[in-house]
């Protein structure tokens, strides 16, 4: 299962990157991921473990992915597994004129993927991705306007 989404943000890459990488501030502006924090590491970067809670179904789910790729102002990739499903999520940051294109590519695999599909998980996760990107956009544009 693959989920792709993108948004154009009216703020420079530097601002969007700053919003995105301040993981412990996510709870202030992000309605998708709650109780966001670093579990291991001093800052978001390769090898760090982050964690957050989201609700793809009726109940909240805490996930703790490890950042496997981190290229400043260009890309962040994290991955993790829970309940027989492995997820890998990459965010790409690209300058577009005076703004930024933020792209999200998330792939899922594993033995428990078929029940997740039956429950409509793909549609719910795609909705969460759209909301996350919209929240990054709103926060970055608000900071840019200050």
N, C-alpha and C. Protein backbone atom coordinates (compact mmCIF):
# COMPACT_ATOMS: atom_id res chain seq x y z
N UNK A 1 0.86 -1.16 0.00
CA UNK A 1 0.00 0.00 0.00
C UNK A 1 0.90 1.23 0.00
N UNK A 2 0.60 2.18 -0.87
CA UNK A 2 1.38 3.41 -0.99
C UNK A 2 0.45 4.60 -0.90
N UNK A 3 0.88 5.61 -0.16
CA UNK A 3 0.13 6.86 -0.03
C UNK A 3 1.04 7.99 -0.45
N UNK A 4 0.61 8.77 -1.43
CA UNK A 4 1.36 9.94 -1.90
C UNK A 4 0.49 11.17 -1.74
N UNK A 5 1.12 12.25 -1.36
CA UNK A 5 0.40 13.53 -1.23
C UNK A 5 1.44 14.64 -1.29
N UNK A 6 1.04 15.82 -1.72
CA UNK A 6 1.95 16.96 -1.78
C UNK A 6 1.17 18.24 -1.55
N UNK A 7 1.89 19.26 -1.11
CA UNK A 7 1.30 20.57 -0.88
C UNK A 7 2.34 21.63 -1.23
N UNK A 8 1.88 22.75 -1.77
CA UNK A 8 2.76 23.88 -2.01
C UNK A 8 2.54 24.88 -0.89
N UNK A 9 3.64 25.31 -0.28
CA UNK A 9 3.59 26.18 0.89
C UNK A 9 4.19 27.53 0.54
N UNK A 10 3.51 28.59 0.90
CA UNK A 10 3.99 29.95 0.62
C UNK A 10 4.96 30.41 1.70
N UNK A 11 6.07 29.70 1.79
CA UNK A 11 7.14 30.00 2.73
C UNK A 11 8.40 29.32 2.19
N UNK A 12 9.57 29.90 2.46
CA UNK A 12 10.80 29.28 1.96
C UNK A 12 11.09 27.94 2.63
N UNK A 13 11.91 27.14 1.96
CA UNK A 13 12.26 25.81 2.48
C UNK A 13 12.80 25.91 3.90
N UNK A 14 13.61 26.90 4.18
CA UNK A 14 14.20 27.04 5.52
C UNK A 14 13.12 27.10 6.60
N UNK A 15 12.06 27.86 6.36
CA UNK A 15 10.96 27.98 7.32
C UNK A 15 10.20 26.68 7.45
N UNK A 16 9.87 26.05 6.31
CA UNK A 16 9.13 24.79 6.32
C UNK A 16 9.94 23.72 7.04
N UNK A 17 11.22 23.67 6.75
CA UNK A 17 12.12 22.70 7.40
C UNK A 17 12.13 22.90 8.91
N UNK A 18 12.23 24.15 9.33
CA UNK A 18 12.26 24.45 10.75
C UNK A 18 10.97 23.99 11.43
N UNK A 19 9.83 24.30 10.83
CA UNK A 19 8.54 23.85 11.37
C UNK A 19 8.52 22.33 11.50
N UNK A 20 8.93 21.65 10.44
CA UNK A 20 8.86 20.19 10.40
C UNK A 20 9.80 19.53 11.39
N UNK A 21 11.00 20.04 11.54
CA UNK A 21 12.00 19.35 12.35
C UNK A 21 11.93 19.68 13.84
N UNK A 22 11.11 20.63 14.23
CA UNK A 22 10.91 20.92 15.65
C UNK A 22 9.83 19.98 16.19
N UNK A 23 10.15 18.70 16.25
CA UNK A 23 9.17 17.66 16.58
C UNK A 23 8.47 17.91 17.90
N UNK A 24 9.16 18.43 18.88
CA UNK A 24 8.53 18.61 20.18
C UNK A 24 7.56 19.79 20.20
N UNK A 25 7.50 20.57 19.12
CA UNK A 25 6.52 21.66 18.99
C UNK A 25 5.31 21.23 18.17
N UNK A 26 5.36 20.05 17.59
CA UNK A 26 4.26 19.60 16.73
C UNK A 26 2.91 19.66 17.44
N UNK A 27 2.87 19.29 18.68
CA UNK A 27 1.58 19.26 19.39
C UNK A 27 0.93 20.63 19.49
N UNK A 28 1.73 21.70 19.34
CA UNK A 28 1.19 23.07 19.41
C UNK A 28 0.34 23.43 18.20
N UNK A 29 0.62 22.84 17.03
CA UNK A 29 -0.06 23.25 15.80
C UNK A 29 -0.59 22.08 14.97
N UNK A 30 -0.27 20.87 15.36
CA UNK A 30 -0.57 19.69 14.55
C UNK A 30 -1.69 18.88 15.20
N UNK A 31 -2.81 18.75 14.51
CA UNK A 31 -3.94 17.99 15.07
C UNK A 31 -3.88 16.51 14.73
N UNK A 32 -2.95 16.11 13.88
CA UNK A 32 -2.84 14.71 13.47
C UNK A 32 -1.98 13.91 14.45
N UNK A 33 -0.81 14.43 14.75
CA UNK A 33 0.13 13.75 15.64
C UNK A 33 0.13 14.46 16.99
N UNK A 34 -0.15 13.69 18.04
CA UNK A 34 -0.19 14.26 19.38
C UNK A 34 0.93 13.67 20.23
N UNK A 35 1.24 14.37 21.31
CA UNK A 35 2.27 13.92 22.25
C UNK A 35 3.57 13.55 21.51
N UNK A 36 4.03 14.48 20.69
CA UNK A 36 5.22 14.26 19.86
C UNK A 36 6.47 14.52 20.68
N UNK A 37 7.46 13.65 20.51
CA UNK A 37 8.70 13.84 21.25
C UNK A 37 9.82 12.99 20.66
N UNK A 38 11.03 13.38 21.03
CA UNK A 38 12.21 12.56 20.73
C UNK A 38 12.31 11.49 21.79
N UNK A 39 12.47 10.26 21.38
CA UNK A 39 12.66 9.16 22.32
C UNK A 39 14.15 8.87 22.50
N UNK A 40 14.90 9.07 21.42
CA UNK A 40 16.33 8.78 21.46
C UNK A 40 17.02 9.75 20.51
N UNK A 41 18.02 10.46 21.00
CA UNK A 41 18.72 11.45 20.20
C UNK A 41 18.48 12.84 20.77
N UNK A 42 19.33 13.77 20.40
CA UNK A 42 19.24 15.14 20.92
C UNK A 42 18.37 16.04 20.05
N UNK A 43 18.24 15.68 18.78
CA UNK A 43 17.44 16.46 17.83
C UNK A 43 17.03 15.52 16.70
N UNK A 44 16.09 15.95 15.90
CA UNK A 44 15.69 15.14 14.77
C UNK A 44 16.90 15.02 13.84
N UNK A 45 17.28 13.80 13.53
CA UNK A 45 18.41 13.52 12.67
C UNK A 45 18.54 12.02 12.47
N UNK A 46 19.41 11.63 11.57
CA UNK A 46 19.59 10.22 11.26
C UNK A 46 19.91 9.43 12.52
N UNK A 47 19.18 8.33 12.72
CA UNK A 47 19.38 7.47 13.88
C UNK A 47 18.52 7.83 15.07
N UNK A 48 17.92 9.01 15.07
CA UNK A 48 17.06 9.41 16.19
C UNK A 48 15.75 8.64 16.14
N UNK A 49 15.17 8.43 17.29
CA UNK A 49 13.85 7.81 17.40
C UNK A 49 12.89 8.88 17.87
N UNK A 50 11.81 9.06 17.13
CA UNK A 50 10.77 9.99 17.53
C UNK A 50 9.54 9.17 17.89
N UNK A 51 8.60 9.77 18.57
CA UNK A 51 7.34 9.07 18.80
C UNK A 51 6.21 10.08 18.82
N UNK A 52 5.05 9.58 18.43
CA UNK A 52 3.85 10.40 18.46
C UNK A 52 2.64 9.48 18.44
N UNK A 53 1.54 10.06 18.76
CA UNK A 53 0.28 9.32 18.81
C UNK A 53 -0.62 9.83 17.69
N UNK A 54 -1.23 8.91 16.97
CA UNK A 54 -2.22 9.29 15.97
C UNK A 54 -3.39 8.33 16.05
N UNK A 55 -4.47 8.69 15.38
CA UNK A 55 -5.69 7.87 15.46
C UNK A 55 -6.17 7.49 14.06
N UNK A 56 -5.57 6.45 13.48
CA UNK A 56 -6.05 6.02 12.17
C UNK A 56 -7.37 5.26 12.25
N UNK A 57 -7.68 4.74 13.41
CA UNK A 57 -8.96 4.04 13.64
C UNK A 57 -9.67 4.73 14.80
N UNK A 58 -10.40 4.00 15.57
CA UNK A 58 -11.16 4.59 16.67
C UNK A 58 -10.30 4.89 17.90
N UNK A 59 -9.20 4.19 18.05
CA UNK A 59 -8.38 4.33 19.24
C UNK A 59 -7.02 4.92 18.85
N UNK A 60 -6.40 5.67 19.78
CA UNK A 60 -5.08 6.24 19.50
C UNK A 60 -4.01 5.15 19.42
N UNK A 61 -3.02 5.40 18.60
CA UNK A 61 -1.93 4.47 18.38
C UNK A 61 -0.61 5.22 18.52
N UNK A 62 0.25 4.77 19.43
CA UNK A 62 1.57 5.39 19.59
C UNK A 62 2.54 4.65 18.69
N UNK A 63 3.25 5.40 17.86
CA UNK A 63 4.28 4.81 17.03
C UNK A 63 5.61 5.48 17.34
N UNK A 64 6.68 4.76 17.13
CA UNK A 64 8.02 5.27 17.44
C UNK A 64 8.98 4.90 16.32
N UNK A 65 8.89 5.61 15.19
CA UNK A 65 9.78 5.31 14.08
C UNK A 65 11.20 5.83 14.31
N UNK A 66 12.14 5.23 13.60
CA UNK A 66 13.54 5.65 13.63
C UNK A 66 13.84 6.37 12.32
N UNK A 67 14.54 7.49 12.43
CA UNK A 67 14.89 8.26 11.24
C UNK A 67 16.07 7.57 10.56
N UNK A 68 15.85 7.16 9.33
CA UNK A 68 16.90 6.45 8.61
C UNK A 68 17.60 7.31 7.57
N UNK A 69 17.01 8.41 7.16
CA UNK A 69 17.67 9.34 6.23
C UNK A 69 17.29 10.76 6.64
N UNK A 70 18.27 11.64 6.60
CA UNK A 70 18.05 13.02 7.02
C UNK A 70 19.02 13.90 6.25
N UNK A 71 18.51 14.63 5.28
CA UNK A 71 19.32 15.55 4.51
C UNK A 71 18.71 16.93 4.67
N UNK A 72 19.41 17.79 5.39
CA UNK A 72 18.87 19.09 5.80
C UNK A 72 18.24 19.86 4.63
N UNK A 73 17.01 20.31 4.89
CA UNK A 73 16.19 21.10 3.96
C UNK A 73 15.89 20.37 2.66
N UNK A 74 16.05 19.02 2.66
CA UNK A 74 15.75 18.25 1.45
C UNK A 74 14.87 17.03 1.71
N UNK A 75 15.21 16.23 2.73
CA UNK A 75 14.51 14.96 2.90
C UNK A 75 14.61 14.43 4.32
N UNK A 76 13.53 13.81 4.77
CA UNK A 76 13.51 13.05 6.03
C UNK A 76 12.78 11.75 5.74
N UNK A 77 13.38 10.63 6.15
CA UNK A 77 12.72 9.33 6.03
C UNK A 77 12.76 8.64 7.38
N UNK A 78 11.60 8.15 7.81
CA UNK A 78 11.57 7.35 9.02
C UNK A 78 10.81 6.07 8.74
N UNK A 79 11.06 5.06 9.58
CA UNK A 79 10.36 3.80 9.40
C UNK A 79 10.16 3.13 10.76
N UNK A 80 9.18 2.25 10.78
CA UNK A 80 8.89 1.51 11.99
C UNK A 80 7.87 0.43 11.72
N UNK A 81 7.67 -0.43 12.70
CA UNK A 81 6.72 -1.53 12.57
C UNK A 81 5.83 -1.59 13.80
N UNK A 82 4.60 -1.99 13.56
CA UNK A 82 3.64 -2.15 14.66
C UNK A 82 2.59 -3.15 14.20
N UNK A 83 2.30 -4.12 15.03
CA UNK A 83 1.23 -5.09 14.80
C UNK A 83 1.29 -5.76 13.42
N UNK A 84 2.49 -6.14 13.00
CA UNK A 84 2.63 -6.86 11.74
C UNK A 84 2.60 -6.01 10.50
N UNK A 85 2.68 -4.69 10.66
CA UNK A 85 2.72 -3.79 9.50
C UNK A 85 3.98 -2.95 9.61
N UNK A 86 4.73 -2.90 8.52
CA UNK A 86 5.94 -2.06 8.47
C UNK A 86 5.61 -0.83 7.61
N UNK A 87 5.97 0.34 8.12
CA UNK A 87 5.73 1.59 7.39
C UNK A 87 7.05 2.32 7.19
N UNK A 88 7.17 2.95 6.04
CA UNK A 88 8.33 3.79 5.71
C UNK A 88 7.77 5.08 5.13
N UNK A 89 8.13 6.22 5.73
CA UNK A 89 7.55 7.50 5.36
C UNK A 89 8.67 8.47 5.01
N UNK A 90 8.62 9.02 3.79
CA UNK A 90 9.62 9.98 3.34
C UNK A 90 8.93 11.30 3.03
N UNK A 91 9.56 12.38 3.46
CA UNK A 91 9.10 13.74 3.17
C UNK A 91 10.20 14.42 2.35
N UNK A 92 9.80 15.01 1.22
CA UNK A 92 10.74 15.72 0.34
C UNK A 92 10.40 17.21 0.37
N UNK A 93 11.41 18.04 0.50
CA UNK A 93 11.27 19.49 0.56
C UNK A 93 11.96 20.08 -0.68
N UNK A 94 11.21 20.78 -1.53
CA UNK A 94 11.78 21.35 -2.75
C UNK A 94 11.38 22.80 -2.90
N UNK A 95 12.36 23.68 -3.21
CA UNK A 95 11.99 25.07 -3.45
C UNK A 95 11.19 25.20 -4.75
N UNK A 96 10.16 26.03 -4.70
CA UNK A 96 9.33 26.33 -5.86
C UNK A 96 9.11 27.84 -5.85
N UNK A 97 9.85 28.56 -6.66
CA UNK A 97 9.77 30.02 -6.62
C UNK A 97 10.15 30.50 -5.24
N UNK A 98 9.27 31.30 -4.62
CA UNK A 98 9.50 31.79 -3.26
C UNK A 98 8.96 30.84 -2.20
N UNK A 99 8.38 29.74 -2.64
CA UNK A 99 7.75 28.81 -1.71
C UNK A 99 8.43 27.46 -1.68
N UNK A 100 7.69 26.48 -1.18
CA UNK A 100 8.22 25.12 -0.98
C UNK A 100 7.16 24.11 -1.39
N UNK A 101 7.60 23.07 -2.05
CA UNK A 101 6.73 21.92 -2.30
C UNK A 101 7.15 20.86 -1.29
N UNK A 102 6.19 20.42 -0.48
CA UNK A 102 6.41 19.37 0.49
C UNK A 102 5.67 18.13 0.01
N UNK A 103 6.43 17.08 -0.26
CA UNK A 103 5.84 15.83 -0.75
C UNK A 103 5.98 14.75 0.31
N UNK A 104 4.96 13.92 0.41
CA UNK A 104 4.94 12.81 1.35
C UNK A 104 4.76 11.52 0.56
N UNK A 105 5.59 10.54 0.85
CA UNK A 105 5.48 9.22 0.23
C UNK A 105 5.58 8.20 1.35
N UNK A 106 4.52 7.45 1.53
CA UNK A 106 4.48 6.47 2.62
C UNK A 106 4.14 5.11 2.03
N UNK A 107 4.92 4.10 2.41
CA UNK A 107 4.65 2.74 1.95
C UNK A 107 4.47 1.82 3.15
N UNK A 108 3.58 0.87 2.97
CA UNK A 108 3.24 -0.09 4.02
C UNK A 108 3.38 -1.50 3.48
N UNK A 109 3.88 -2.40 4.31
CA UNK A 109 3.97 -3.80 3.94
C UNK A 109 3.79 -4.64 5.21
N UNK A 110 3.58 -5.94 5.00
CA UNK A 110 3.50 -6.84 6.14
C UNK A 110 2.28 -7.72 6.11
N UNK A 111 2.33 -8.72 6.94
CA UNK A 111 1.30 -9.75 6.96
C UNK A 111 -0.08 -9.21 7.37
N UNK A 112 -0.11 -8.19 8.21
CA UNK A 112 -1.40 -7.67 8.69
C UNK A 112 -1.95 -6.56 7.79
N UNK A 113 -1.36 -6.38 6.63
CA UNK A 113 -1.82 -5.33 5.73
C UNK A 113 -3.21 -5.63 5.14
N UNK A 114 -3.49 -6.87 4.86
CA UNK A 114 -4.79 -7.18 4.26
C UNK A 114 -5.96 -6.85 5.19
N UNK A 115 -5.90 -7.13 6.52
CA UNK A 115 -7.02 -6.70 7.37
C UNK A 115 -7.11 -5.17 7.45
N UNK A 116 -5.96 -4.51 7.39
CA UNK A 116 -5.96 -3.04 7.42
C UNK A 116 -6.68 -2.49 6.19
N UNK A 117 -6.44 -3.10 5.06
CA UNK A 117 -7.14 -2.67 3.83
C UNK A 117 -8.65 -2.87 3.95
N UNK A 118 -9.04 -4.00 4.51
CA UNK A 118 -10.47 -4.28 4.67
C UNK A 118 -11.16 -3.26 5.58
N UNK A 119 -10.42 -2.72 6.53
CA UNK A 119 -11.00 -1.77 7.47
C UNK A 119 -11.02 -0.33 6.93
N UNK A 120 -10.53 -0.14 5.69
CA UNK A 120 -10.51 1.20 5.13
C UNK A 120 -9.33 2.03 5.59
N UNK A 121 -8.30 1.37 6.08
CA UNK A 121 -7.13 2.06 6.63
C UNK A 121 -6.47 2.97 5.60
N UNK A 122 -6.40 2.56 4.34
CA UNK A 122 -5.74 3.36 3.31
C UNK A 122 -6.37 4.75 3.23
N UNK A 123 -7.69 4.79 3.16
CA UNK A 123 -8.39 6.06 3.06
C UNK A 123 -8.18 6.92 4.31
N UNK A 124 -8.21 6.30 5.47
CA UNK A 124 -8.01 7.04 6.72
C UNK A 124 -6.59 7.59 6.83
N UNK A 125 -5.60 6.77 6.48
CA UNK A 125 -4.21 7.23 6.53
C UNK A 125 -3.95 8.34 5.51
N UNK A 126 -4.56 8.21 4.34
CA UNK A 126 -4.40 9.28 3.33
C UNK A 126 -5.00 10.58 3.86
N UNK A 127 -6.12 10.50 4.53
CA UNK A 127 -6.73 11.69 5.14
C UNK A 127 -5.83 12.30 6.21
N UNK A 128 -5.19 11.46 7.03
CA UNK A 128 -4.27 11.96 8.05
C UNK A 128 -3.07 12.64 7.41
N UNK A 129 -2.56 12.08 6.32
CA UNK A 129 -1.43 12.69 5.61
C UNK A 129 -1.82 14.06 5.07
N UNK A 130 -2.99 14.16 4.46
CA UNK A 130 -3.45 15.47 3.96
C UNK A 130 -3.55 16.49 5.09
N UNK A 131 -4.10 16.07 6.21
CA UNK A 131 -4.23 16.98 7.36
C UNK A 131 -2.87 17.40 7.90
N UNK A 132 -1.92 16.46 7.95
CA UNK A 132 -0.58 16.78 8.43
C UNK A 132 0.08 17.82 7.52
N UNK A 133 0.04 17.59 6.21
CA UNK A 133 0.65 18.53 5.28
C UNK A 133 -0.04 19.90 5.35
N UNK A 134 -1.34 19.92 5.50
CA UNK A 134 -2.06 21.19 5.64
C UNK A 134 -1.66 21.92 6.91
N UNK A 135 -1.42 21.16 7.97
CA UNK A 135 -1.00 21.78 9.23
C UNK A 135 0.41 22.36 9.12
N UNK A 136 1.32 21.64 8.45
CA UNK A 136 2.67 22.17 8.23
C UNK A 136 2.57 23.45 7.41
N UNK A 137 1.74 23.43 6.38
CA UNK A 137 1.54 24.61 5.52
C UNK A 137 1.04 25.80 6.34
N UNK A 138 0.02 25.57 7.14
CA UNK A 138 -0.57 26.67 7.93
C UNK A 138 0.45 27.24 8.91
N UNK A 139 1.20 26.38 9.59
CA UNK A 139 2.19 26.85 10.56
C UNK A 139 3.33 27.58 9.88
N UNK A 140 3.85 27.04 8.79
CA UNK A 140 4.97 27.69 8.08
C UNK A 140 4.53 29.04 7.51
N UNK A 141 3.34 29.10 6.95
CA UNK A 141 2.87 30.37 6.39
C UNK A 141 2.59 31.38 7.49
N UNK A 142 2.12 30.93 8.64
CA UNK A 142 1.90 31.84 9.78
C UNK A 142 3.23 32.39 10.27
N UNK A 143 4.24 31.55 10.38
CA UNK A 143 5.57 32.02 10.81
C UNK A 143 6.16 32.97 9.79
N UNK A 144 5.94 32.69 8.53
CA UNK A 144 6.48 33.54 7.47
C UNK A 144 5.83 34.93 7.52
N UNK A 145 4.56 34.97 7.91
CA UNK A 145 3.83 36.24 7.99
C UNK A 145 4.20 37.09 9.18
N UNK A 146 4.92 36.53 10.14
CA UNK A 146 5.27 37.28 11.36
C UNK A 146 6.36 38.28 11.10
